[in-house]
Amino acid sequence: MTDTSGVAKLPYFERYLSLWVIFCIIVGVIIGKIFPAGVDLLSRMEIARVNIPVAILIWLMIYPMMVQIDFSSIVRVGKKPKGLAVTLLVNWLIKPFTMAIFAVIFLKYVFAAFIEPALAKEYIAGAILLGAAPCTAMVFVWSYLTKGDPAHTLVQVAVNDLVILVAFVPIVKFLLGVNQITVPYDTLIYSTVLFVVVPLTGGYLSRIYLLQRKGKAWFENAFLKALKPVTIMGLLLTLIILFAFQGNIILGNPFHILLIAVPLTIQTYFIFFIGYWWARKWNLTHYIASPAALIGASNFFELSVAVAISLFGLKSGAALATVVGVLTEVPIMLSLVKFSNKTRHWFDQAEKQ
């Protein structure tokens, strides 16, 4: 999508995502107050600590992302290994740990006068879940807005999804354990299987089937286009349900949303500049450097929300912290897109080679 000047613009829904989240906060809190019995009924619809209505909505969010990923693109990894190396090293060896550090510094110590220790632990857990899940969907938008290489971005996303399968659980378990937050290992694995393996497998199999039966043109122009409203509705309804359960916490601690946003914001800018600086030092072209840095700065918040609910419950501080990640994501990432576009000339030498 472009404006009249030819400059890329964010699609309508994504452009105002933070406003939609605020709207969902208000609607959810109101519903929780007006229909407490109905909300309580929804909260009890669980199997193995997984809330069924929320699980369905989260699958609706995640499946459309997974079905877009062409895993055959991974064969192109060797053509531009430095960009992928920046992404993987920043996402998996730096990002989860700096997120935990910033969350502990601010939520446990700097804001100790405003947050009870038990609640601070839950907020830290939510931040850790965000930090351990690099973006797999919105990064396509950020890459597009900075004129990134779409093929390379696709490779980055595909590889990250595969890494999530093996790295997410042990990293989260380790960081939660370091912060004395006890989580059953089997529950963490179960959540990852439920919200990564299942939609990833479903997306892959249905992609192959539909491409063979209907063709690439129909798949991209009809099927994927039809799925987009499903993702949006799944996200909005999930947020409304979350805030219906979180109503009392939010009304009692509205200031906490701002406090949680502080370490999340610092982390986002910090990780972006590490990746961007690294890419410049390695003399990468801008169309590879920009998405390589942006994918680490952004988060797979759908997975984080789902796992937080499974591990800690719908009414937990961990679930609230992951939702604050949704609230802060778009304005911060748009500012980084703007910065990236303004500093494109930093990579002129690499572009000439």
Protein backbone atom coordinates (compact mmCIF):
# COMPACT_ATOMS: atom_id res chain seq x y z
CA MET A 1 0.00 0.00 0.00
CA THR A 2 1.34 3.46 -0.92
CA ASP A 3 0.19 7.04 -0.51
CA THR A 4 0.04 9.61 -3.31
CA SER A 5 3.74 10.36 -2.95
CA GLY A 6 4.65 6.73 -3.55
CA VAL A 7 5.79 6.17 0.04
CA ALA A 8 4.82 2.83 1.56
CA LYS A 9 2.12 3.01 4.19
CA LEU A 10 1.08 0.56 6.88
CA PRO A 11 -2.25 -1.18 6.17
CA TYR A 12 -5.22 0.44 7.92
CA PHE A 13 -5.63 -2.04 10.78
CA GLU A 14 -1.92 -2.34 11.56
CA ARG A 15 -1.51 1.45 11.41
CA TYR A 16 -3.97 1.90 14.28
CA LEU A 17 -3.29 -1.32 16.17
CA SER A 18 -2.47 0.49 19.42
CA LEU A 19 -5.80 2.36 19.24
CA TRP A 20 -7.61 -0.93 18.63
CA VAL A 21 -5.89 -2.40 21.68
CA ILE A 22 -6.97 0.56 23.83
CA PHE A 23 -10.52 0.13 22.52
CA CYS A 24 -10.41 -3.58 23.44
CA ILE A 25 -9.17 -2.71 26.93
CA ILE A 26 -12.20 -0.47 27.46
CA VAL A 27 -14.70 -2.92 25.96
CA GLY A 28 -13.22 -5.87 27.83
CA VAL A 29 -13.24 -4.12 31.20
CA ILE A 30 -16.84 -2.99 30.67
CA ILE A 31 -17.96 -6.52 29.73
CA GLY A 32 -16.19 -7.92 32.78
CA LYS A 33 -18.10 -5.51 35.01
CA ILE A 34 -21.51 -5.86 33.38
CA PHE A 35 -21.48 -9.63 32.73
CA PRO A 36 -19.35 -11.18 35.50
CA ALA A 37 -21.28 -14.48 35.40
CA GLY A 38 -20.70 -14.90 31.67
CA VAL A 39 -17.02 -14.08 32.02
CA ASP A 40 -16.70 -16.57 34.87
CA LEU A 41 -18.35 -19.25 32.70
CA LEU A 42 -15.80 -18.62 29.93
CA SER A 43 -12.95 -18.82 32.42
CA ARG A 44 -14.06 -22.30 33.51
CA MET A 45 -14.10 -23.72 29.96
CA GLU A 46 -10.66 -25.32 30.29
CA ILE A 47 -8.92 -28.57 29.39
CA ALA A 48 -5.47 -29.22 30.92
CA ARG A 49 -5.24 -25.55 31.99
CA VAL A 50 -5.91 -24.38 28.42
CA ASN A 51 -8.91 -22.09 28.04
CA ILE A 52 -10.79 -23.42 25.02
CA PRO A 53 -12.38 -20.14 23.74
CA VAL A 54 -9.04 -18.35 23.97
CA ALA A 55 -7.18 -21.27 22.35
CA ILE A 56 -9.55 -21.21 19.37
CA LEU A 57 -9.12 -17.46 18.95
CA ILE A 58 -5.33 -17.71 19.17
CA TRP A 59 -5.28 -20.46 16.54
CA LEU A 60 -7.30 -18.13 14.33
CA MET A 61 -4.56 -15.52 14.79
CA ILE A 62 -1.55 -17.78 14.32
CA TYR A 63 -2.67 -20.10 11.49
CA PRO A 64 -2.91 -17.34 8.82
CA MET A 65 0.72 -16.41 9.60
CA MET A 66 1.97 -19.97 9.44
CA VAL A 67 0.22 -20.78 6.17
CA GLN A 68 2.08 -17.92 4.45
CA ILE A 69 5.53 -19.34 5.21
CA ASP A 70 7.28 -21.13 2.38
CA PHE A 71 9.75 -23.46 4.09
CA SER A 72 11.26 -24.41 0.75
CA SER A 73 12.83 -20.93 0.82
CA ILE A 74 15.27 -22.20 3.46
CA VAL A 75 17.39 -23.66 0.63
CA ARG A 76 18.40 -20.06 -0.13
CA VAL A 77 20.02 -19.61 3.29
CA GLY A 78 23.56 -20.04 1.98
CA LYS A 79 23.24 -17.18 -0.51
CA LYS A 80 23.19 -14.39 2.10
CA PRO A 81 24.36 -15.97 5.37
CA LYS A 82 25.46 -12.79 7.16
CA GLY A 83 21.97 -11.29 7.34
CA LEU A 84 20.56 -14.52 8.71
CA ALA A 85 23.45 -14.79 11.18
CA VAL A 86 22.67 -11.32 12.57
CA THR A 87 19.02 -12.28 13.00
CA LEU A 88 19.68 -15.61 14.70
CA LEU A 89 22.46 -14.42 17.00
CA VAL A 90 20.54 -11.33 18.14
CA ASN A 91 17.21 -13.17 18.49
CA TRP A 92 18.46 -16.20 20.39
CA LEU A 93 21.75 -15.32 22.10
CA ILE A 94 21.03 -11.71 23.12
CA LYS A 95 17.36 -10.73 23.02
CA PRO A 96 15.82 -13.16 25.56
CA PHE A 97 18.48 -12.37 28.14
CA THR A 98 18.45 -8.58 27.78
CA MET A 99 14.65 -8.63 28.03
CA ALA A 100 14.90 -10.54 31.31
CA ILE A 101 17.57 -8.12 32.58
CA PHE A 102 15.58 -4.97 31.74
CA ALA A 103 12.38 -6.47 33.17
CA VAL A 104 14.06 -7.39 36.46
CA ILE A 105 15.84 -4.03 36.80
CA PHE A 106 12.69 -1.98 36.33
CA LEU A 107 9.81 -4.18 37.53
CA LYS A 108 11.57 -5.70 40.53
CA TYR A 109 13.84 -2.85 41.65
CA VAL A 110 13.22 0.57 40.07
CA PHE A 111 9.42 0.29 40.38
CA ALA A 112 9.47 -1.71 43.63
CA ALA A 113 7.51 1.01 45.43
CA PHE A 114 4.61 0.64 42.97
CA ILE A 115 4.45 -3.11 42.29
CA GLU A 116 4.06 -5.89 44.85
CA PRO A 117 6.85 -8.52 44.62
CA ALA A 118 4.49 -11.38 43.67
CA LEU A 119 2.91 -9.32 40.89
CA ALA A 120 6.31 -8.10 39.72
CA LYS A 121 7.34 -11.75 39.23
CA GLU A 122 4.35 -12.32 36.98
CA TYR A 123 5.10 -9.20 34.94
CA ILE A 124 8.71 -10.35 34.55
CA ALA A 125 7.49 -13.77 33.39
CA GLY A 126 5.34 -12.11 30.71
CA ALA A 127 8.28 -10.00 29.55
CA ILE A 128 10.47 -13.12 29.33
CA LEU A 129 7.86 -14.84 27.15
CA LEU A 130 7.88 -11.83 24.82
CA GLY A 131 11.67 -11.74 24.68
CA ALA A 132 11.96 -15.41 23.78
CA ALA A 133 9.60 -15.20 20.79
CA PRO A 134 10.90 -13.17 17.80
CA CYS A 135 8.37 -11.84 15.33
CA THR A 136 7.07 -14.13 12.58
CA ALA A 137 4.25 -12.06 11.06
CA MET A 138 4.40 -8.27 11.37
CA VAL A 139 8.05 -8.35 10.27
CA PHE A 140 6.77 -8.80 6.71
CA VAL A 141 5.07 -5.42 7.09
CA TRP A 142 8.14 -3.74 8.61
CA SER A 143 10.35 -5.20 5.89
CA TYR A 144 8.00 -3.92 3.20
CA LEU A 145 7.95 -0.42 4.68
CA THR A 146 11.74 -0.23 4.61
CA LYS A 147 12.01 -1.78 1.12
CA GLY A 148 13.58 -4.89 2.57
CA ASP A 149 14.37 -7.98 0.49
CA PRO A 150 11.11 -10.01 0.69
CA ALA A 151 12.81 -13.30 -0.19
CA HIS A 152 15.44 -12.86 2.51
CA THR A 153 12.79 -11.79 5.05
CA LEU A 154 10.85 -14.96 4.24
CA VAL A 155 13.97 -17.06 4.89
CA GLN A 156 14.53 -15.29 8.22
CA VAL A 157 10.96 -15.94 9.35
CA ALA A 158 10.98 -19.58 8.23
CA VAL A 159 14.26 -20.32 10.03
CA ASN A 160 13.12 -18.51 13.18
CA ASP A 161 9.92 -20.57 13.28
CA LEU A 162 11.97 -23.75 13.17
CA VAL A 163 14.33 -22.46 15.88
CA ILE A 164 11.33 -21.62 18.09
CA LEU A 165 10.43 -25.33 18.07
CA VAL A 166 13.69 -26.28 19.80
CA ALA A 167 14.89 -23.12 21.57
CA PHE A 168 11.79 -21.44 23.01
CA VAL A 169 11.07 -23.96 25.77
CA PRO A 170 14.60 -24.31 27.24
CA ILE A 171 15.30 -20.56 27.11
CA VAL A 172 12.01 -19.67 28.80
CA LYS A 173 12.46 -22.43 31.39
CA PHE A 174 15.99 -21.24 32.17
CA LEU A 175 15.12 -17.54 32.49
CA LEU A 176 12.02 -18.21 34.59
CA GLY A 177 14.08 -20.48 36.83
CA VAL A 178 16.80 -17.86 37.27
CA ASN A 179 14.11 -15.45 38.43
CA GLN A 180 12.67 -18.08 40.81
CA ILE A 181 9.47 -18.45 38.82
CA THR A 182 8.45 -22.11 38.89
CA VAL A 183 6.80 -23.51 35.77
CA PRO A 184 6.18 -27.22 35.06
CA TYR A 185 8.34 -28.26 32.12
CA ASP A 186 5.61 -30.45 30.66
CA THR A 187 3.13 -27.55 30.70
CA LEU A 188 5.60 -25.33 28.86
CA ILE A 189 6.23 -28.03 26.24
CA TYR A 190 2.50 -28.69 25.91
CA SER A 191 1.84 -24.97 25.33
CA THR A 192 4.53 -24.77 22.66
CA VAL A 193 3.18 -27.84 20.87
CA LEU A 194 -0.35 -26.49 21.05
CA PHE A 195 0.39 -22.98 19.84
CA VAL A 196 3.42 -23.50 17.56
CA VAL A 197 3.64 -27.08 16.33
CA VAL A 198 -0.09 -27.53 15.66
CA PRO A 199 -0.68 -24.30 13.66
CA LEU A 200 2.74 -24.60 11.99
CA THR A 201 2.01 -28.14 10.81
CA GLY A 202 -1.53 -27.23 9.83
CA GLY A 203 -0.30 -24.20 7.91
CA TYR A 204 2.38 -26.17 6.08
CA LEU A 205 0.12 -29.06 5.07
CA SER A 206 -2.78 -26.87 3.99
CA ARG A 207 -0.39 -24.60 2.04
CA ILE A 208 0.97 -27.54 0.07
CA TYR A 209 -2.51 -28.94 -0.54
CA LEU A 210 -4.05 -25.63 -1.67
CA LEU A 211 -1.12 -24.70 -3.91
CA GLN A 212 -1.39 -28.05 -5.65
CA ARG A 213 -5.19 -27.97 -5.99
CA LYS A 214 -5.86 -24.27 -6.60
CA GLY A 215 -2.60 -22.77 -7.80
CA LYS A 216 -0.36 -19.99 -6.53
CA ALA A 217 -2.46 -17.10 -7.89
CA TRP A 218 -5.65 -18.25 -6.12
CA PHE A 219 -3.74 -19.04 -2.92
CA GLU A 220 -2.11 -15.59 -2.69
CA ASN A 221 -4.86 -13.39 -4.11
CA ALA A 222 -7.98 -15.13 -2.78
CA PHE A 223 -7.20 -17.45 0.13
CA LEU A 224 -4.65 -15.31 2.00
CA LYS A 225 -6.71 -12.18 1.43
CA ALA A 226 -9.79 -13.91 2.87
CA LEU A 227 -7.82 -14.99 5.94
CA LYS A 228 -6.74 -11.49 6.92
CA PRO A 229 -10.08 -10.48 8.57
CA VAL A 230 -9.99 -13.80 10.49
CA THR A 231 -6.64 -12.84 12.03
CA ILE A 232 -7.90 -9.37 12.93
CA MET A 233 -11.10 -10.66 14.52
CA GLY A 234 -9.17 -13.32 16.43
CA LEU A 235 -6.79 -10.71 17.83
CA LEU A 236 -9.53 -8.25 18.83
CA LEU A 237 -11.76 -10.87 20.43
CA THR A 238 -8.81 -12.39 22.30
CA LEU A 239 -7.89 -8.98 23.69
CA ILE A 240 -11.48 -8.29 24.74
CA ILE A 241 -11.68 -11.62 26.58
CA LEU A 242 -8.29 -11.04 28.23
CA PHE A 243 -9.29 -7.63 29.49
CA ALA A 244 -12.68 -8.88 30.62
CA PHE A 245 -10.73 -11.15 32.98
CA GLN A 246 -8.12 -8.49 33.73
CA GLY A 247 -10.69 -5.78 34.53
CA ASN A 248 -10.21 -5.68 38.30
CA ILE A 249 -6.42 -5.73 38.00
CA ILE A 250 -6.44 -2.89 35.47
CA LEU A 251 -8.92 -0.75 37.41
CA GLY A 252 -6.92 -1.33 40.57
CA ASN A 253 -3.52 -0.75 38.92
CA PRO A 254 -3.92 1.31 35.71
CA PHE A 255 -0.48 2.80 36.31
CA HIS A 256 1.03 -0.67 35.98
CA ILE A 257 0.43 -0.72 32.23
CA LEU A 258 2.75 2.28 31.88
CA LEU A 259 5.32 0.72 34.21
CA ILE A 260 5.36 -2.54 32.23
CA ALA A 261 5.77 -0.58 28.99
CA VAL A 262 9.04 1.02 30.17
CA PRO A 263 11.33 -2.05 30.01
CA LEU A 264 9.55 -3.36 26.91
CA THR A 265 10.20 -0.06 25.12
CA ILE A 266 13.84 0.13 26.16
CA GLN A 267 14.37 -3.48 25.08
CA THR A 268 12.86 -2.88 21.65
CA TYR A 269 15.12 0.06 20.81
CA PHE A 270 18.16 -1.65 22.35
CA ILE A 271 17.78 -4.83 20.30
CA PHE A 272 17.10 -2.96 17.08
CA PHE A 273 20.24 -0.87 17.39
CA ILE A 274 22.40 -3.91 18.18
CA GLY A 275 21.18 -5.66 15.02
CA TYR A 276 21.34 -2.52 12.88
CA TRP A 277 24.84 -1.59 14.06
CA TRP A 278 26.04 -5.16 13.60
CA ALA A 279 24.65 -5.29 10.06
CA ARG A 280 26.38 -2.01 9.20
CA LYS A 281 29.69 -3.25 10.60
CA TRP A 282 29.36 -6.38 8.47
CA ASN A 283 28.77 -4.17 5.43
CA LEU A 284 25.34 -5.60 4.63
CA THR A 285 23.03 -3.88 2.19
CA HIS A 286 20.16 -1.89 3.67
CA TYR A 287 17.49 -4.15 2.18
CA ILE A 288 18.95 -7.00 4.25
CA ALA A 289 20.15 -5.03 7.29
CA SER A 290 16.82 -3.37 8.01
CA PRO A 291 14.60 -6.49 8.24
CA ALA A 292 17.41 -8.33 10.05
CA ALA A 293 17.30 -5.69 12.80
CA LEU A 294 13.52 -5.25 12.81
CA ILE A 295 12.70 -8.95 13.22
CA GLY A 296 14.56 -9.00 16.54
CA ALA A 297 12.98 -5.79 17.77
CA SER A 298 9.46 -7.06 17.11
CA ASN A 299 7.80 -9.93 19.03
CA PHE A 300 5.64 -12.97 18.29
CA PHE A 301 3.11 -11.62 20.79
CA GLU A 302 0.40 -14.10 19.76
CA LEU A 303 2.53 -16.99 21.01
CA SER A 304 3.55 -15.06 24.13
CA VAL A 305 -0.06 -14.32 25.03
CA ALA A 306 -1.09 -17.95 24.48
CA VAL A 307 1.72 -19.42 26.57
CA ALA A 308 1.24 -16.84 29.35
CA ILE A 309 -2.41 -17.83 29.62
CA SER A 310 -1.59 -21.55 29.65
CA LEU A 311 1.16 -21.21 32.26
CA PHE A 312 -0.19 -18.52 34.56
CA GLY A 313 -3.89 -18.11 33.76
CA LEU A 314 -6.14 -15.58 32.08
CA LYS A 315 -6.15 -13.26 35.08
CA SER A 316 -2.39 -13.30 35.62
CA GLY A 317 0.06 -10.44 35.52
CA ALA A 318 2.05 -12.43 32.96
CA ALA A 319 -0.87 -12.37 30.52
CA LEU A 320 -1.28 -8.63 31.11
CA ALA A 321 2.42 -8.00 30.42
CA THR A 322 2.27 -9.81 27.09
CA VAL A 323 -0.76 -7.76 26.07
CA VAL A 324 1.10 -4.55 26.93
CA GLY A 325 3.63 -5.79 24.37
CA VAL A 326 0.85 -5.62 21.76
CA LEU A 327 -0.06 -2.11 22.91
CA THR A 328 3.47 -0.75 22.52
CA GLU A 329 4.51 -2.64 19.40
CA VAL A 330 3.19 -0.56 16.52
CA PRO A 331 4.17 3.00 17.55
CA ILE A 332 7.67 1.86 18.52
CA MET A 333 8.20 -0.19 15.37
CA LEU A 334 6.92 2.64 13.16
CA SER A 335 9.50 4.96 14.73
CA LEU A 336 12.21 2.39 13.94
CA VAL A 337 10.95 2.05 10.36
CA LYS A 338 11.21 5.82 10.00
CA PHE A 339 14.73 5.82 11.46
CA SER A 340 15.76 2.97 9.16
CA ASN A 341 14.50 4.78 6.07
CA LYS A 342 16.24 8.02 7.05
CA THR A 343 19.58 6.23 7.57
CA ARG A 344 19.50 4.24 4.35
CA HIS A 345 22.51 6.26 3.16
CA TRP A 346 24.62 4.61 5.89
CA PHE A 347 24.63 1.52 3.71
CA ASP A 348 25.41 3.21 0.37
CA GLN A 349 28.87 1.66 0.17
CA ALA A 350 27.47 -1.85 0.54
CA GLU A 351 24.78 -1.14 -2.07
CA LYS A 352 27.46 -0.20 -4.64
CA GLN A 353 29.37 -3.44 -4.23
